[in-house]
Amino acid sequence: MAAPCSRSGRWLWAAVVPAAVLCLAARAAEEASTAEFDVRPGGEVHSFSRSLGDYTCTFTYSAQGGTNEQWQMNIGVSEDNLLFSCSVWRPQGKSYLFFTQFKAEVKGAKIEYATAYSQAAAGAQSDVPLKQEEFEITETTVSHREGKFRFELSKLVIVAKTSHDEL
């Protein structure tokens, strides 16, 4: 099933998936990887990528303004090898960079759920999701929507179903 399109379905996903992602992260503690990287302004396109087994997550972006910001990427595979997760975020919450483009791509799995946030939870602040029209989701990517994206990004969350062959 692809990411839900209806409003009620989106709210259900918004309530269920964060708990599922936390559960996935806990269950995949032995099969998880977190890495820090700098998001750099200057208008050039940059990429950061991490792999875990047969699965890869790549975050590609271009940003302007400010200075380098510390971001993190966390990837994990569920114990049963059915789900792959990729989260990219700024741990301090809000990014002060002006993103001209972004794309997160997974390889080896198909996206079941994905969302993007203009502000990540930090301190007493909650996640602030982008409006659905600001980004688009395909089977393998989450990216900005040209002309609709408002240039603010602080977090991306992807849960993808792996290719699992039954014997």
C-alpha atoms as a PDB file:
ATOM      1  CA  MET A   1       0.000   0.000   0.000  1.00  0.00           C
ATOM      2  CA  ALA A   2       1.341   3.448  -0.839  1.00  0.00           C
ATOM      3  CA  ALA A   3       1.180   6.425   1.488  1.00  0.00           C
ATOM      4  CA  PRO A   4      -2.454   7.278   2.189  1.00  0.00           C
ATOM      5  CA  CYS A   5      -3.954  10.122   0.225  1.00  0.00           C
ATOM      6  CA  SER A   6      -7.102  10.924   2.157  1.00  0.00           C
ATOM      7  CA  ARG A   7      -7.017  13.355   5.053  1.00  0.00           C
ATOM      8  CA  SER A   8      -8.419  10.851   7.538  1.00  0.00           C
ATOM      9  CA  GLY A   9      -5.940   8.237   6.361  1.00  0.00           C
ATOM     10  CA  ARG A  10      -3.074  10.722   6.680  1.00  0.00           C
ATOM     11  CA  TRP A  11      -4.070  11.518  10.263  1.00  0.00           C
ATOM     12  CA  LEU A  12      -4.241   7.815  11.070  1.00  0.00           C
ATOM     13  CA  TRP A  13      -0.762   7.349   9.630  1.00  0.00           C
ATOM     14  CA  ALA A  14       0.435  10.418  11.552  1.00  0.00           C
ATOM     15  CA  ALA A  15      -0.766   8.842  14.794  1.00  0.00           C
ATOM     16  CA  VAL A  16       0.339   5.262  14.149  1.00  0.00           C
ATOM     17  CA  VAL A  17       3.634   5.619  12.295  1.00  0.00           C
ATOM     18  CA  PRO A  18       5.668   7.561  14.901  1.00  0.00           C
ATOM     19  CA  ALA A  19       4.915   4.779  17.396  1.00  0.00           C
ATOM     20  CA  ALA A  20       5.719   2.157  14.763  1.00  0.00           C
ATOM     21  CA  VAL A  21       8.990   3.901  13.903  1.00  0.00           C
ATOM     22  CA  LEU A  22       9.961   3.981  17.588  1.00  0.00           C
ATOM     23  CA  CYS A  23       9.076   0.296  17.887  1.00  0.00           C
ATOM     24  CA  LEU A  24      11.034  -0.442  14.714  1.00  0.00           C
ATOM     25  CA  ALA A  25      14.018   1.479  16.067  1.00  0.00           C
ATOM     26  CA  ALA A  26      13.849  -0.407  19.374  1.00  0.00           C
ATOM     27  CA  ARG A  27      13.466  -3.809  17.672  1.00  0.00           C
ATOM     28  CA  ALA A  28      16.224  -3.026  15.209  1.00  0.00           C
ATOM     29  CA  ALA A  29      18.680  -1.743  17.797  1.00  0.00           C
ATOM     30  CA  GLU A  30      21.252  -4.283  16.659  1.00  0.00           C
ATOM     31  CA  GLU A  31      20.540  -3.412  13.034  1.00  0.00           C
ATOM     32  CA  ALA A  32      20.491   0.377  13.158  1.00  0.00           C
ATOM     33  CA  SER A  33      22.921   3.079  12.251  1.00  0.00           C
ATOM     34  CA  THR A  34      22.988   6.770  13.153  1.00  0.00           C
ATOM     35  CA  ALA A  35      25.440   9.151  11.521  1.00  0.00           C
ATOM     36  CA  GLU A  36      25.980  12.890  11.837  1.00  0.00           C
ATOM     37  CA  PHE A  37      26.660  15.088   8.840  1.00  0.00           C
ATOM     38  CA  ASP A  38      26.822  18.792   8.002  1.00  0.00           C
ATOM     39  CA  VAL A  39      24.123  20.392   5.898  1.00  0.00           C
ATOM     40  CA  ARG A  40      26.005  23.095   4.040  1.00  0.00           C
ATOM     41  CA  PRO A  41      24.595  26.261   2.488  1.00  0.00           C
ATOM     42  CA  GLY A  42      25.967  27.839  -0.669  1.00  0.00           C
ATOM     43  CA  GLY A  43      23.470  26.732  -3.289  1.00  0.00           C
ATOM     44  CA  GLU A  44      25.401  23.639  -4.401  1.00  0.00           C
ATOM     45  CA  VAL A  45      23.741  20.220  -4.482  1.00  0.00           C
ATOM     46  CA  HIS A  46      25.076  17.880  -1.766  1.00  0.00           C
ATOM     47  CA  SER A  47      24.242  14.276  -0.869  1.00  0.00           C
ATOM     48  CA  PHE A  48      24.658  12.131   2.206  1.00  0.00           C
ATOM     49  CA  SER A  49      24.083   8.399   2.048  1.00  0.00           C
ATOM     50  CA  ARG A  50      24.018   5.430   4.426  1.00  0.00           C
ATOM     51  CA  SER A  51      23.539   1.716   3.781  1.00  0.00           C
ATOM     52  CA  LEU A  52      22.549  -1.176   5.975  1.00  0.00           C
ATOM     53  CA  GLY A  53      22.718  -4.568   4.309  1.00  0.00           C
ATOM     54  CA  ASP A  54      20.817  -4.431   1.019  1.00  0.00           C
ATOM     55  CA  TYR A  55      19.167  -1.069   1.812  1.00  0.00           C
ATOM     56  CA  THR A  56      20.368   2.472   1.217  1.00  0.00           C
ATOM     57  CA  CYS A  57      19.016   5.912   2.062  1.00  0.00           C
ATOM     58  CA  THR A  58      20.363   8.995   0.279  1.00  0.00           C
ATOM     59  CA  PHE A  59      19.487  12.581   1.219  1.00  0.00           C
ATOM     60  CA  THR A  60      20.193  15.133  -1.528  1.00  0.00           C
ATOM     61  CA  TYR A  61      19.646  18.863  -1.037  1.00  0.00           C
ATOM     62  CA  SER A  62      20.603  22.410  -1.897  1.00  0.00           C
ATOM     63  CA  ALA A  63      20.415  25.174   0.719  1.00  0.00           C
ATOM     64  CA  GLN A  64      21.196  28.875   1.103  1.00  0.00           C
ATOM     65  CA  GLY A  65      21.921  31.240   3.990  1.00  0.00           C
ATOM     66  CA  GLY A  66      23.481  30.795   7.409  1.00  0.00           C
ATOM     67  CA  THR A  67      26.312  28.425   8.229  1.00  0.00           C
ATOM     68  CA  ASN A  68      26.733  24.655   8.362  1.00  0.00           C
ATOM     69  CA  GLU A  69      24.204  22.835  10.520  1.00  0.00           C
ATOM     70  CA  GLN A  70      24.672  19.475  12.240  1.00  0.00           C
ATOM     71  CA  TRP A  71      22.066  16.942  11.050  1.00  0.00           C
ATOM     72  CA  GLN A  72      21.627  13.218  11.629  1.00  0.00           C
ATOM     73  CA  MET A  73      20.544  10.263   9.547  1.00  0.00           C
ATOM     74  CA  ASN A  74      19.206   7.133  11.221  1.00  0.00           C
ATOM     75  CA  ILE A  75      18.546   3.969   9.258  1.00  0.00           C
ATOM     76  CA  GLY A  76      17.254   0.660  10.538  1.00  0.00           C
ATOM     77  CA  VAL A  77      15.860  -2.682   9.448  1.00  0.00           C
ATOM     78  CA  SER A  78      13.183  -4.496  11.420  1.00  0.00           C
ATOM     79  CA  GLU A  79      14.082  -7.774  13.072  1.00  0.00           C
ATOM     80  CA  ASP A  80      11.919  -9.673  10.574  1.00  0.00           C
ATOM     81  CA  ASN A  81      13.612  -7.797   7.692  1.00  0.00           C
ATOM     82  CA  LEU A  82      10.237  -6.561   6.364  1.00  0.00           C
ATOM     83  CA  LEU A  83      10.666  -2.815   7.039  1.00  0.00           C
ATOM     84  CA  PHE A  84      13.463  -0.349   6.373  1.00  0.00           C
ATOM     85  CA  SER A  85      13.366   3.069   8.012  1.00  0.00           C
ATOM     86  CA  CYS A  86      15.262   6.235   7.243  1.00  0.00           C
ATOM     87  CA  SER A  87      15.026   9.455   9.225  1.00  0.00           C
ATOM     88  CA  VAL A  88      16.929  12.637   8.440  1.00  0.00           C
ATOM     89  CA  TRP A  89      16.652  15.557  10.856  1.00  0.00           C
ATOM     90  CA  ARG A  90      18.221  18.484  12.646  1.00  0.00           C
ATOM     91  CA  PRO A  91      18.378  17.483  16.336  1.00  0.00           C
ATOM     92  CA  GLN A  92      18.163  21.134  17.434  1.00  0.00           C
ATOM     93  CA  GLY A  93      14.679  21.347  15.900  1.00  0.00           C
ATOM     94  CA  LYS A  94      14.292  24.179  13.434  1.00  0.00           C
ATOM     95  CA  SER A  95      16.712  24.654  10.578  1.00  0.00           C
ATOM     96  CA  TYR A  96      17.602  28.225   9.720  1.00  0.00           C
ATOM     97  CA  LEU A  97      18.719  27.331   6.228  1.00  0.00           C
ATOM     98  CA  PHE A  98      16.667  28.124   3.142  1.00  0.00           C
ATOM     99  CA  PHE A  99      16.292  24.815   1.242  1.00  0.00           C
ATOM    100  CA  THR A 100      15.904  25.284  -2.496  1.00  0.00           C
ATOM    101  CA  GLN A 101      15.442  21.531  -3.047  1.00  0.00           C
ATOM    102  CA  PHE A 102      15.488  18.210  -1.229  1.00  0.00           C
ATOM    103  CA  LYS A 103      15.069  14.540  -2.032  1.00  0.00           C
ATOM    104  CA  ALA A 104      15.395  11.414   0.082  1.00  0.00           C
ATOM    105  CA  GLU A 105      15.693   8.168  -1.851  1.00  0.00           C
ATOM    106  CA  VAL A 106      15.602   4.580  -0.628  1.00  0.00           C
ATOM    107  CA  LYS A 107      17.068   1.637  -2.523  1.00  0.00           C
ATOM    108  CA  GLY A 108      16.096  -1.967  -1.900  1.00  0.00           C
ATOM    109  CA  ALA A 109      12.628  -1.133  -0.543  1.00  0.00           C
ATOM    110  CA  LYS A 110       9.382   0.627  -1.506  1.00  0.00           C
ATOM    111  CA  ILE A 111       8.012   3.509   0.551  1.00  0.00           C
ATOM    112  CA  GLU A 112       4.916   2.689   2.612  1.00  0.00           C
ATOM    113  CA  TYR A 113       4.846   5.943   4.592  1.00  0.00           C
ATOM    114  CA  ALA A 114       6.775   9.199   4.451  1.00  0.00           C
ATOM    115  CA  THR A 115       6.406  12.712   5.719  1.00  0.00           C
ATOM    116  CA  ALA A 116       8.434  15.894   5.994  1.00  0.00           C
ATOM    117  CA  TYR A 117       8.526  18.577   8.656  1.00  0.00           C
ATOM    118  CA  SER A 118       9.416  22.259   8.666  1.00  0.00           C
ATOM    119  CA  GLN A 119      10.333  21.979  12.349  1.00  0.00           C
ATOM    120  CA  ALA A 120      11.524  18.902  14.247  1.00  0.00           C
ATOM    121  CA  ALA A 121      10.564  18.345  17.878  1.00  0.00           C
ATOM    122  CA  ALA A 122      13.089  19.834  20.304  1.00  0.00           C
ATOM    123  CA  GLY A 123      12.615  20.872  23.902  1.00  0.00           C
ATOM    124  CA  ALA A 124       8.983  21.879  24.382  1.00  0.00           C
ATOM    125  CA  GLN A 125       8.423  22.259  20.622  1.00  0.00           C
ATOM    126  CA  SER A 126       6.513  19.663  18.589  1.00  0.00           C
ATOM    127  CA  ASP A 127       7.102  18.475  15.035  1.00  0.00           C
ATOM    128  CA  VAL A 128       5.495  20.830  12.514  1.00  0.00           C
ATOM    129  CA  PRO A 129       4.616  18.921   9.317  1.00  0.00           C
ATOM    130  CA  LEU A 130       4.929  20.381   5.850  1.00  0.00           C
ATOM    131  CA  LYS A 131       1.654  20.744   4.003  1.00  0.00           C
ATOM    132  CA  GLN A 132       0.991  17.743   1.768  1.00  0.00           C
ATOM    133  CA  GLU A 133       1.181  19.948  -1.347  1.00  0.00           C
ATOM    134  CA  GLU A 134       4.782  20.970  -0.492  1.00  0.00           C
ATOM    135  CA  PHE A 135       6.297  17.542  -1.157  1.00  0.00           C
ATOM    136  CA  GLU A 136       5.649  14.418  -3.173  1.00  0.00           C
ATOM    137  CA  ILE A 137       6.108  10.731  -2.473  1.00  0.00           C
ATOM    138  CA  THR A 138       6.864   8.039  -5.039  1.00  0.00           C
ATOM    139  CA  GLU A 139       7.701   4.348  -4.538  1.00  0.00           C
ATOM    140  CA  THR A 140      11.316   5.214  -3.694  1.00  0.00           C
ATOM    141  CA  THR A 141      11.598   8.992  -3.118  1.00  0.00           C
ATOM    142  CA  VAL A 142      10.301  11.876  -1.052  1.00  0.00           C
ATOM    143  CA  SER A 143      11.080  15.250  -2.594  1.00  0.00           C
ATOM    144  CA  HIS A 144      10.116  18.907  -2.645  1.00  0.00           C
ATOM    145  CA  ARG A 145       7.346  19.930  -5.026  1.00  0.00           C
ATOM    146  CA  GLU A 146       8.543  22.682  -7.348  1.00  0.00           C
ATOM    147  CA  GLY A 147       6.618  25.932  -6.834  1.00  0.00           C
ATOM    148  CA  LYS A 148       4.809  24.642  -3.717  1.00  0.00           C
ATOM    149  CA  PHE A 149       7.655  23.951  -1.269  1.00  0.00           C
ATOM    150  CA  ARG A 150       8.128  26.876   1.147  1.00  0.00           C
ATOM    151  CA  PHE A 151      11.893  26.300   1.614  1.00  0.00           C
ATOM    152  CA  GLU A 152      11.703  25.093   5.248  1.00  0.00           C
ATOM    153  CA  LEU A 153      12.871  21.599   6.149  1.00  0.00           C
ATOM    154  CA  SER A 154      14.010  20.141   9.469  1.00  0.00           C
ATOM    155  CA  LYS A 155      13.040  16.467   9.324  1.00  0.00           C
ATOM    156  CA  LEU A 156      12.115  13.626   6.957  1.00  0.00           C
ATOM    157  CA  VAL A 157      10.755  10.235   8.022  1.00  0.00           C
ATOM    158  CA  ILE A 158      10.458   7.246   5.688  1.00  0.00           C
ATOM    159  CA  VAL A 159       9.213   3.724   6.379  1.00  0.00           C
ATOM    160  CA  ALA A 160       9.644   1.357   3.449  1.00  0.00           C
ATOM    161  CA  LYS A 161       8.631  -2.233   2.836  1.00  0.00           C
ATOM    162  CA  THR A 162      11.535  -4.438   1.839  1.00  0.00           C
ATOM    163  CA  SER A 163      11.489  -6.956  -0.986  1.00  0.00           C
ATOM    164  CA  HIS A 164      10.941 -10.149   0.952  1.00  0.00           C
ATOM    165  CA  ASP A 165      10.810 -13.393  -0.989  1.00  0.00           C
ATOM    166  CA  GLU A 166       8.635 -16.162   0.409  1.00  0.00           C
ATOM    167  CA  LEU A 167      10.041 -19.652   0.110  1.00  0.00           C
END
